Amino acid sequence: MKKIDGKELKEKSKNKAKLALEDYKAFALKGNVLDLAIGVVLGSAFTNIVNTLVSALLTPIISLLTSNVDLSTLFITLKGGTFETLEQAKAAGAITLNYGEIINSVLNFVIVSIVLFILVKALTKANKKEKIENEVTTKECPYCLSTIPLHASRCPHCTSVLEKEEIVSE
């Protein structure tokens, strides 16, 4: 059995740590991981914007339409007495079911999903236009290397007759 001295053990440990660090860097810097991280950060910021939109704009409009009812203050006391406001119930330590907050959350979800749907539709439409613009419509003549229309059967520059395989190839 071979003995391993302290120096050799330190060197092996150092090499293993280096390899682990390199593996982690390769994983963390992959396109998918970076895309996911960017998506999470943007999603968080987007959610914050929508929450603000709902609480600052839509909730007051709904409150106006429903005779000044603020959805976030709607609650049912499950245990602990009867209270006029949610703040009073919380101060008294009562158990409440805050269904107004649930309504706000559902409203947030609906708004986020609608906005994302519109955004994805717009991006998909833009990508389709870009793909149409990038479609190949020309090819090179194999004889004179001039650019010619994709479906040409004869080169207009050198007048070479192109074979069928050359016509089909893109």
N, C-alpha and C. Protein backbone atom coordinates (compact mmCIF):
# COMPACT_ATOMS: atom_id res chain seq x y z
N MET A 1 0.83 -1.18 0.00
CA MET A 1 0.00 0.00 0.00
C MET A 1 0.87 1.24 0.00
N LYS A 2 0.53 2.19 -0.87
CA LYS A 2 1.34 3.40 -1.01
C LYS A 2 0.88 4.45 -0.01
N LYS A 3 1.83 5.09 0.63
CA LYS A 3 1.53 6.17 1.57
C LYS A 3 1.47 7.48 0.83
N ILE A 4 0.50 8.31 1.21
CA ILE A 4 0.38 9.63 0.62
C ILE A 4 0.78 10.64 1.68
N ASP A 5 1.75 11.48 1.33
CA ASP A 5 2.19 12.48 2.31
C ASP A 5 1.28 13.72 2.23
N GLY A 6 1.47 14.64 3.14
CA GLY A 6 0.63 15.83 3.25
C GLY A 6 0.66 16.70 2.02
N LYS A 7 1.83 16.87 1.43
CA LYS A 7 1.97 17.71 0.24
C LYS A 7 1.17 17.14 -0.92
N GLU A 8 1.29 15.85 -1.13
CA GLU A 8 0.60 15.18 -2.22
C GLU A 8 -0.92 15.27 -2.03
N LEU A 9 -1.37 15.11 -0.79
CA LEU A 9 -2.79 15.19 -0.47
C LEU A 9 -3.33 16.60 -0.73
N LYS A 10 -2.55 17.61 -0.35
CA LYS A 10 -2.94 19.00 -0.60
C LYS A 10 -3.05 19.26 -2.10
N GLU A 11 -2.10 18.76 -2.86
CA GLU A 11 -2.09 18.96 -4.30
C GLU A 11 -3.31 18.30 -4.96
N LYS A 12 -3.64 17.07 -4.53
CA LYS A 12 -4.81 16.38 -5.08
C LYS A 12 -6.09 17.14 -4.73
N SER A 13 -6.19 17.61 -3.52
CA SER A 13 -7.37 18.37 -3.10
C SER A 13 -7.49 19.66 -3.89
N LYS A 14 -6.36 20.31 -4.10
CA LYS A 14 -6.34 21.55 -4.87
C LYS A 14 -6.81 21.30 -6.30
N ASN A 15 -6.33 20.22 -6.91
CA ASN A 15 -6.73 19.87 -8.28
C ASN A 15 -8.22 19.56 -8.36
N LYS A 16 -8.73 18.83 -7.37
CA LYS A 16 -10.16 18.50 -7.35
C LYS A 16 -11.00 19.77 -7.21
N ALA A 17 -10.57 20.67 -6.36
CA ALA A 17 -11.28 21.93 -6.17
C ALA A 17 -11.27 22.75 -7.47
N LYS A 18 -10.13 22.76 -8.16
CA LYS A 18 -10.01 23.48 -9.44
C LYS A 18 -10.98 22.91 -10.47
N LEU A 19 -11.01 21.57 -10.56
CA LEU A 19 -11.91 20.91 -11.50
C LEU A 19 -13.37 21.21 -11.17
N ALA A 20 -13.70 21.18 -9.89
CA ALA A 20 -15.08 21.47 -9.48
C ALA A 20 -15.44 22.91 -9.84
N LEU A 21 -14.51 23.83 -9.63
CA LEU A 21 -14.75 25.23 -9.97
C LEU A 21 -14.92 25.41 -11.48
N GLU A 22 -14.10 24.73 -12.26
CA GLU A 22 -14.22 24.80 -13.72
C GLU A 22 -15.56 24.22 -14.19
N ASP A 23 -15.98 23.10 -13.59
CA ASP A 23 -17.27 22.51 -13.93
C ASP A 23 -18.41 23.48 -13.61
N TYR A 24 -18.32 24.13 -12.46
CA TYR A 24 -19.35 25.07 -12.05
C TYR A 24 -19.39 26.26 -13.02
N LYS A 25 -18.22 26.78 -13.39
CA LYS A 25 -18.17 27.90 -14.33
C LYS A 25 -18.80 27.50 -15.67
N ALA A 26 -18.50 26.30 -16.13
CA ALA A 26 -19.06 25.83 -17.40
C ALA A 26 -20.58 25.74 -17.31
N PHE A 27 -21.08 25.28 -16.16
CA PHE A 27 -22.52 25.18 -15.95
C PHE A 27 -23.16 26.57 -15.84
N ALA A 28 -22.60 27.43 -15.02
CA ALA A 28 -23.20 28.74 -14.74
C ALA A 28 -23.16 29.66 -15.94
N LEU A 29 -22.19 29.48 -16.80
CA LEU A 29 -22.06 30.39 -17.94
C LEU A 29 -22.70 29.84 -19.21
N LYS A 30 -23.39 28.72 -19.11
CA LYS A 30 -24.14 28.20 -20.25
C LYS A 30 -25.23 29.19 -20.61
N GLY A 31 -25.59 29.23 -21.85
CA GLY A 31 -26.63 30.15 -22.30
C GLY A 31 -27.96 29.94 -21.59
N ASN A 32 -28.34 28.69 -21.35
CA ASN A 32 -29.63 28.41 -20.74
C ASN A 32 -29.72 28.97 -19.33
N VAL A 33 -28.66 28.82 -18.56
CA VAL A 33 -28.67 29.29 -17.18
C VAL A 33 -28.72 30.81 -17.14
N LEU A 34 -27.95 31.46 -18.00
CA LEU A 34 -27.97 32.92 -18.04
C LEU A 34 -29.32 33.43 -18.51
N ASP A 35 -29.90 32.78 -19.51
CA ASP A 35 -31.22 33.17 -19.98
C ASP A 35 -32.26 33.04 -18.87
N LEU A 36 -32.17 31.95 -18.13
CA LEU A 36 -33.10 31.73 -17.03
C LEU A 36 -32.94 32.80 -15.95
N ALA A 37 -31.70 33.11 -15.60
CA ALA A 37 -31.45 34.14 -14.58
C ALA A 37 -31.99 35.49 -15.03
N ILE A 38 -31.76 35.84 -16.27
CA ILE A 38 -32.26 37.11 -16.80
C ILE A 38 -33.79 37.10 -16.79
N GLY A 39 -34.37 35.97 -17.17
CA GLY A 39 -35.84 35.85 -17.16
C GLY A 39 -36.43 36.02 -15.78
N VAL A 40 -35.78 35.45 -14.77
CA VAL A 40 -36.27 35.56 -13.40
C VAL A 40 -36.21 37.01 -12.93
N VAL A 41 -35.09 37.68 -13.20
CA VAL A 41 -34.94 39.07 -12.78
C VAL A 41 -35.97 39.96 -13.49
N LEU A 42 -36.11 39.79 -14.80
CA LEU A 42 -37.09 40.58 -15.54
C LEU A 42 -38.52 40.25 -15.10
N GLY A 43 -38.78 38.99 -14.83
CA GLY A 43 -40.11 38.59 -14.35
C GLY A 43 -40.44 39.22 -13.02
N SER A 44 -39.46 39.28 -12.15
CA SER A 44 -39.66 39.92 -10.85
C SER A 44 -39.96 41.40 -11.01
N ALA A 45 -39.20 42.07 -11.85
CA ALA A 45 -39.44 43.50 -12.09
C ALA A 45 -40.80 43.71 -12.75
N PHE A 46 -41.15 42.85 -13.69
CA PHE A 46 -42.44 42.95 -14.37
C PHE A 46 -43.59 42.76 -13.39
N THR A 47 -43.44 41.78 -12.49
CA THR A 47 -44.47 41.53 -11.47
C THR A 47 -44.64 42.75 -10.58
N ASN A 48 -43.55 43.38 -10.21
CA ASN A 48 -43.61 44.58 -9.39
C ASN A 48 -44.38 45.69 -10.11
N ILE A 49 -44.13 45.85 -11.40
CA ILE A 49 -44.84 46.87 -12.18
C ILE A 49 -46.33 46.56 -12.22
N VAL A 50 -46.68 45.30 -12.45
CA VAL A 50 -48.09 44.93 -12.52
C VAL A 50 -48.77 45.11 -11.17
N ASN A 51 -48.09 44.72 -10.09
CA ASN A 51 -48.67 44.91 -8.75
C ASN A 51 -48.95 46.39 -8.50
N THR A 52 -48.02 47.24 -8.88
CA THR A 52 -48.22 48.67 -8.72
C THR A 52 -49.37 49.16 -9.59
N LEU A 53 -49.43 48.66 -10.82
CA LEU A 53 -50.52 49.03 -11.72
C LEU A 53 -51.88 48.65 -11.12
N VAL A 54 -51.97 47.46 -10.57
CA VAL A 54 -53.22 47.01 -9.98
C VAL A 54 -53.58 47.83 -8.75
N SER A 55 -52.61 48.00 -7.85
CA SER A 55 -52.92 48.70 -6.59
C SER A 55 -53.12 50.20 -6.79
N ALA A 56 -52.40 50.81 -7.73
CA ALA A 56 -52.49 52.26 -7.89
C ALA A 56 -53.54 52.70 -8.92
N LEU A 57 -53.85 51.83 -9.87
CA LEU A 57 -54.75 52.25 -10.94
C LEU A 57 -56.06 51.46 -10.97
N LEU A 58 -55.97 50.14 -11.04
CA LEU A 58 -57.18 49.34 -11.21
C LEU A 58 -58.02 49.22 -9.94
N THR A 59 -57.37 49.00 -8.81
CA THR A 59 -58.13 48.85 -7.56
C THR A 59 -58.94 50.11 -7.25
N PRO A 60 -58.37 51.32 -7.39
CA PRO A 60 -59.21 52.50 -7.16
C PRO A 60 -60.38 52.62 -8.15
N ILE A 61 -60.15 52.22 -9.40
CA ILE A 61 -61.26 52.27 -10.38
C ILE A 61 -62.34 51.28 -9.99
N ILE A 62 -61.95 50.07 -9.59
CA ILE A 62 -62.92 49.07 -9.14
C ILE A 62 -63.62 49.57 -7.89
N SER A 63 -62.88 50.19 -6.99
CA SER A 63 -63.45 50.75 -5.77
C SER A 63 -64.48 51.82 -6.11
N LEU A 64 -64.18 52.64 -7.10
CA LEU A 64 -65.11 53.69 -7.53
C LEU A 64 -66.38 53.07 -8.10
N LEU A 65 -66.23 52.00 -8.89
CA LEU A 65 -67.38 51.34 -9.50
C LEU A 65 -68.22 50.56 -8.49
N THR A 66 -67.62 50.15 -7.39
CA THR A 66 -68.33 49.35 -6.39
C THR A 66 -68.61 50.16 -5.12
N SER A 67 -68.85 51.44 -5.26
CA SER A 67 -69.20 52.32 -4.14
C SER A 67 -68.11 52.37 -3.08
N ASN A 68 -66.88 52.68 -3.49
CA ASN A 68 -65.73 52.88 -2.59
C ASN A 68 -65.32 51.64 -1.80
N VAL A 69 -65.54 50.46 -2.36
CA VAL A 69 -65.08 49.23 -1.70
C VAL A 69 -63.64 48.96 -2.13
N ASP A 70 -62.72 48.91 -1.16
CA ASP A 70 -61.32 48.60 -1.44
C ASP A 70 -61.17 47.09 -1.32
N LEU A 71 -60.86 46.42 -2.42
CA LEU A 71 -60.79 44.95 -2.42
C LEU A 71 -59.82 44.41 -1.39
N SER A 72 -58.70 45.08 -1.19
CA SER A 72 -57.68 44.56 -0.27
C SER A 72 -58.14 44.57 1.18
N THR A 73 -59.22 45.28 1.50
CA THR A 73 -59.69 45.34 2.89
C THR A 73 -60.86 44.41 3.16
N LEU A 74 -61.28 43.65 2.16
CA LEU A 74 -62.40 42.72 2.36
C LEU A 74 -61.93 41.50 3.14
N PHE A 75 -62.67 41.14 4.19
CA PHE A 75 -62.29 40.00 5.02
C PHE A 75 -63.50 39.44 5.74
N ILE A 76 -63.34 38.24 6.22
CA ILE A 76 -64.33 37.59 7.08
C ILE A 76 -63.59 37.17 8.34
N THR A 77 -64.17 37.47 9.50
CA THR A 77 -63.56 37.07 10.77
C THR A 77 -63.99 35.63 11.06
N LEU A 78 -63.00 34.74 11.18
CA LEU A 78 -63.30 33.34 11.46
C LEU A 78 -63.39 33.08 12.96
N LYS A 79 -62.56 33.79 13.73
CA LYS A 79 -62.56 33.59 15.18
C LYS A 79 -62.02 34.86 15.83
N GLY A 80 -62.70 35.33 16.85
CA GLY A 80 -62.19 36.46 17.59
C GLY A 80 -63.10 37.66 17.65
N GLY A 81 -64.33 37.56 17.16
CA GLY A 81 -65.26 38.68 17.28
C GLY A 81 -65.59 39.31 15.95
N THR A 82 -66.24 40.48 16.03
CA THR A 82 -66.66 41.22 14.86
C THR A 82 -65.90 42.55 14.83
N PHE A 83 -65.40 42.91 13.66
CA PHE A 83 -64.60 44.12 13.54
C PHE A 83 -65.01 44.89 12.29
N GLU A 84 -64.85 46.20 12.35
CA GLU A 84 -65.20 47.06 11.22
C GLU A 84 -64.13 47.01 10.13
N THR A 85 -62.86 46.99 10.54
CA THR A 85 -61.78 47.02 9.56
C THR A 85 -60.83 45.86 9.78
N LEU A 86 -60.07 45.57 8.75
CA LEU A 86 -59.07 44.51 8.82
C LEU A 86 -57.98 44.87 9.83
N GLU A 87 -57.62 46.15 9.90
CA GLU A 87 -56.59 46.59 10.85
C GLU A 87 -57.02 46.33 12.29
N GLN A 88 -58.30 46.60 12.59
CA GLN A 88 -58.82 46.36 13.94
C GLN A 88 -58.76 44.86 14.27
N ALA A 89 -59.13 44.03 13.30
CA ALA A 89 -59.12 42.58 13.51
C ALA A 89 -57.69 42.09 13.73
N LYS A 90 -56.75 42.60 12.96
CA LYS A 90 -55.35 42.19 13.13
C LYS A 90 -54.80 42.64 14.47
N ALA A 91 -55.16 43.87 14.87
CA ALA A 91 -54.69 44.40 16.16
C ALA A 91 -55.24 43.57 17.32
N ALA A 92 -56.45 43.06 17.18
CA ALA A 92 -57.06 42.26 18.24
C ALA A 92 -56.59 40.80 18.19
N GLY A 93 -55.85 40.43 17.16
CA GLY A 93 -55.35 39.06 17.04
C GLY A 93 -56.39 38.08 16.54
N ALA A 94 -57.43 38.57 15.89
CA ALA A 94 -58.50 37.71 15.37
C ALA A 94 -57.99 36.93 14.15
N ILE A 95 -58.59 35.78 13.96
CA ILE A 95 -58.27 34.97 12.78
C ILE A 95 -59.21 35.40 11.66
N THR A 96 -58.62 35.83 10.54
CA THR A 96 -59.43 36.36 9.44
C THR A 96 -59.13 35.63 8.13
N LEU A 97 -60.12 35.63 7.28
CA LEU A 97 -59.96 35.14 5.92
C LEU A 97 -60.00 36.38 5.03
N ASN A 98 -58.86 36.74 4.49
CA ASN A 98 -58.72 37.98 3.71
C ASN A 98 -59.00 37.70 2.24
N TYR A 99 -60.27 37.55 1.90
CA TYR A 99 -60.62 37.20 0.53
C TYR A 99 -60.39 38.36 -0.45
N GLY A 100 -60.30 39.56 0.04
CA GLY A 100 -60.00 40.71 -0.82
C GLY A 100 -58.60 40.62 -1.40
N GLU A 101 -57.67 40.13 -0.60
CA GLU A 101 -56.30 39.94 -1.08
C GLU A 101 -56.25 38.86 -2.16
N ILE A 102 -57.08 37.84 -1.99
CA ILE A 102 -57.15 36.77 -2.99
C ILE A 102 -57.68 37.34 -4.31
N ILE A 103 -58.72 38.18 -4.21
CA ILE A 103 -59.27 38.80 -5.42
C ILE A 103 -58.20 39.65 -6.10
N ASN A 104 -57.42 40.41 -5.31
CA ASN A 104 -56.34 41.22 -5.87
C ASN A 104 -55.29 40.35 -6.55
N SER A 105 -54.95 39.22 -5.93
CA SER A 105 -53.95 38.32 -6.52
C SER A 105 -54.45 37.72 -7.83
N VAL A 106 -55.70 37.33 -7.87
CA VAL A 106 -56.28 36.79 -9.10
C VAL A 106 -56.28 37.87 -10.18
N LEU A 107 -56.64 39.09 -9.79
CA LEU A 107 -56.62 40.22 -10.73
C LEU A 107 -55.20 40.45 -11.26
N ASN A 108 -54.21 40.41 -10.37
CA ASN A 108 -52.80 40.55 -10.79
C ASN A 108 -52.43 39.46 -11.79
N PHE A 109 -52.82 38.22 -11.49
CA PHE A 109 -52.50 37.09 -12.37
C PHE A 109 -53.11 37.29 -13.74
N VAL A 110 -54.38 37.68 -13.78
CA VAL A 110 -55.07 37.87 -15.06
C VAL A 110 -54.37 38.96 -15.86
N ILE A 111 -54.02 40.04 -15.21
CA ILE A 111 -53.37 41.15 -15.92
C ILE A 111 -52.00 40.71 -16.43
N VAL A 112 -51.21 40.05 -15.59
CA VAL A 112 -49.88 39.58 -16.00
C VAL A 112 -50.02 38.63 -17.19
N SER A 113 -50.95 37.70 -17.12
CA SER A 113 -51.09 36.73 -18.20
C SER A 113 -51.54 37.40 -19.50
N ILE A 114 -52.43 38.38 -19.42
CA ILE A 114 -52.87 39.09 -20.62
C ILE A 114 -51.72 39.88 -21.23
N VAL A 115 -50.98 40.60 -20.39
CA VAL A 115 -49.85 41.39 -20.89
C VAL A 115 -48.78 40.48 -21.51
N LEU A 116 -48.48 39.37 -20.85
CA LEU A 116 -47.50 38.43 -21.40
C LEU A 116 -47.98 37.83 -22.72
N PHE A 117 -49.26 37.52 -22.80
CA PHE A 117 -49.83 36.99 -24.04
C PHE A 117 -49.63 38.00 -25.17
N ILE A 118 -49.96 39.26 -24.92
CA ILE A 118 -49.81 40.30 -25.94
C ILE A 118 -48.34 40.46 -26.31
N LEU A 119 -47.46 40.44 -25.32
CA LEU A 119 -46.02 40.59 -25.56
C LEU A 119 -45.48 39.44 -26.41
N VAL A 120 -45.85 38.21 -26.07
CA VAL A 120 -45.38 37.04 -26.81
C VAL A 120 -45.92 37.07 -28.24
N LYS A 121 -47.19 37.46 -28.40
CA LYS A 121 -47.77 37.56 -29.75
C LYS A 121 -47.00 38.58 -30.59
N ALA A 122 -46.68 39.73 -29.99
CA ALA A 122 -45.95 40.77 -30.71
C ALA A 122 -44.55 40.29 -31.09
N LEU A 123 -43.86 39.63 -30.17
CA LEU A 123 -42.52 39.12 -30.46
C LEU A 123 -42.55 38.04 -31.52
N THR A 124 -43.55 37.17 -31.47
CA THR A 124 -43.69 36.12 -32.47
C THR A 124 -43.93 36.72 -33.85
N LYS A 125 -44.76 37.74 -33.90
CA LYS A 125 -45.04 38.40 -35.18
C LYS A 125 -43.78 39.07 -35.72
N ALA A 126 -43.01 39.71 -34.83
CA ALA A 126 -41.76 40.36 -35.26
C ALA A 126 -40.76 39.33 -35.76
N ASN A 127 -40.67 38.18 -35.09
CA ASN A 127 -39.75 37.12 -35.52
C ASN A 127 -40.16 36.55 -36.87
N LYS A 128 -41.46 36.42 -37.13
CA LYS A 128 -41.92 35.91 -38.42
C LYS A 128 -41.52 36.87 -39.53
N LYS A 129 -41.68 38.18 -39.28
CA LYS A 129 -41.28 39.17 -40.29
C LYS A 129 -39.78 39.09 -40.56
N GLU A 130 -39.02 38.91 -39.48
CA GLU A 130 -37.56 38.82 -39.63
C GLU A 130 -37.17 37.57 -40.42
N LYS A 131 -37.85 36.46 -40.17
CA LYS A 131 -37.56 35.22 -40.90
C LYS A 131 -37.89 35.38 -42.37
N ILE A 132 -39.00 36.03 -42.66
CA ILE A 132 -39.38 36.24 -44.05
C ILE A 132 -38.32 37.08 -44.76
N GLU A 133 -37.83 38.13 -44.07
CA GLU A 133 -36.80 38.99 -44.65
C GLU A 133 -35.49 38.24 -44.86
N ASN A 134 -35.20 37.26 -44.02
CA ASN A 134 -33.94 36.53 -44.09
C ASN A 134 -34.00 35.27 -44.96
N GLU A 135 -35.13 35.03 -45.61
CA GLU A 135 -35.24 33.84 -46.46
C GLU A 135 -34.27 33.95 -47.63
N VAL A 136 -33.73 32.81 -48.01
CA VAL A 136 -32.77 32.77 -49.11
C VAL A 136 -33.52 32.86 -50.43
N THR A 137 -33.15 33.85 -51.25
CA THR A 137 -33.79 34.02 -52.55
C THR A 137 -32.78 33.93 -53.69
N THR A 138 -31.49 33.83 -53.32
CA THR A 138 -30.45 33.74 -54.35
C THR A 138 -29.49 32.61 -54.02
N LYS A 139 -28.68 32.26 -55.02
CA LYS A 139 -27.63 31.26 -54.84
C LYS A 139 -26.45 31.66 -55.71
N GLU A 140 -25.37 30.91 -55.60
CA GLU A 140 -24.19 31.18 -56.43
C GLU A 140 -24.16 30.23 -57.61
N CYS A 141 -23.81 30.75 -58.76
CA CYS A 141 -23.61 29.91 -59.93
C CYS A 141 -22.35 29.08 -59.67
N PRO A 142 -22.40 27.75 -59.84
CA PRO A 142 -21.22 26.92 -59.57
C PRO A 142 -20.09 27.11 -60.59
N TYR A 143 -20.41 27.77 -61.69
CA TYR A 143 -19.40 27.94 -62.74
C TYR A 143 -18.68 29.30 -62.66
N CYS A 144 -19.44 30.38 -62.54
CA CYS A 144 -18.81 31.70 -62.52
C CYS A 144 -18.89 32.38 -61.15
N LEU A 145 -19.57 31.73 -60.19
CA LEU A 145 -19.72 32.20 -58.81
C LEU A 145 -20.46 33.54 -58.70
N SER A 146 -21.27 33.87 -59.69
CA SER A 146 -22.11 35.06 -59.64
C SER A 146 -23.36 34.73 -58.82
N THR A 147 -23.97 35.76 -58.27
CA THR A 147 -25.22 35.59 -57.54
C THR A 147 -26.36 35.57 -58.55
N ILE A 148 -27.20 34.51 -58.43
CA ILE A 148 -28.31 34.36 -59.36
C ILE A 148 -29.57 34.01 -58.57
N PRO A 149 -30.76 34.18 -59.17
CA PRO A 149 -32.00 33.81 -58.48
C PRO A 149 -31.99 32.33 -58.10
N LEU A 150 -32.62 32.03 -57.00
CA LEU A 150 -32.61 30.67 -56.45
C LEU A 150 -33.13 29.62 -57.43
N HIS A 151 -34.16 29.91 -58.17
CA HIS A 151 -34.78 28.92 -59.06
C HIS A 151 -34.36 29.07 -60.52
N ALA A 152 -33.28 29.77 -60.76
CA ALA A 152 -32.81 29.95 -62.15
C ALA A 152 -32.33 28.63 -62.73
N SER A 153 -32.63 28.42 -64.02
CA SER A 153 -32.17 27.20 -64.69
C SER A 153 -30.96 27.48 -65.58
N ARG A 154 -30.66 28.78 -65.78
CA ARG A 154 -29.51 29.18 -66.60
C ARG A 154 -28.92 30.43 -65.94
N CYS A 155 -27.62 30.50 -65.86
CA CYS A 155 -26.93 31.65 -65.27
C CYS A 155 -26.98 32.82 -66.26
N PRO A 156 -27.49 33.99 -65.84
CA PRO A 156 -27.55 35.14 -66.75
C PRO A 156 -26.18 35.75 -67.03
N HIS A 157 -25.18 35.41 -66.24
CA HIS A 157 -23.85 35.99 -66.42
C HIS A 157 -22.97 35.16 -67.36
N CYS A 158 -22.91 33.86 -67.12
CA CYS A 158 -22.04 33.01 -67.95
C CYS A 158 -22.84 32.13 -68.89
N THR A 159 -24.15 32.18 -68.79
CA THR A 159 -25.11 31.42 -69.61
C THR A 159 -24.98 29.91 -69.46
N SER A 160 -24.38 29.47 -68.38
CA SER A 160 -24.27 28.02 -68.14
C SER A 160 -25.65 27.47 -67.79
N VAL A 161 -25.91 26.26 -68.30
CA VAL A 161 -27.14 25.58 -67.96
C VAL A 161 -26.91 24.89 -66.62
N LEU A 162 -27.81 25.15 -65.65
CA LEU A 162 -27.68 24.57 -64.32
C LEU A 162 -28.45 23.27 -64.25
N GLU A 163 -27.86 22.27 -63.63
CA GLU A 163 -28.51 20.98 -63.50
C GLU A 163 -29.64 21.09 -62.49
N LYS A 164 -30.56 20.14 -62.54
CA LYS A 164 -31.72 20.17 -61.64
C LYS A 164 -31.29 20.14 -60.19
N GLU A 165 -30.28 19.37 -59.85
CA GLU A 165 -29.81 19.28 -58.45
C GLU A 165 -29.32 20.64 -57.98
N GLU A 166 -28.69 21.38 -58.88
CA GLU A 166 -28.19 22.71 -58.52
C GLU A 166 -29.33 23.68 -58.32
N ILE A 167 -30.42 23.48 -59.05
CA ILE A 167 -31.59 24.36 -58.92
C ILE A 167 -32.26 24.13 -57.57
N VAL A 168 -32.40 22.87 -57.18
CA VAL A 168 -33.09 22.53 -55.94
C VAL A 168 -32.27 22.90 -54.72
N SER A 169 -30.95 22.74 -54.81
CA SER A 169 -30.12 22.99 -53.63
C SER A 169 -30.18 24.46 -53.25
N GLU A 170 -30.13 24.70 -51.94
CA GLU A 170 -30.22 26.08 -51.44
C GLU A 170 -28.92 26.48 -50.81
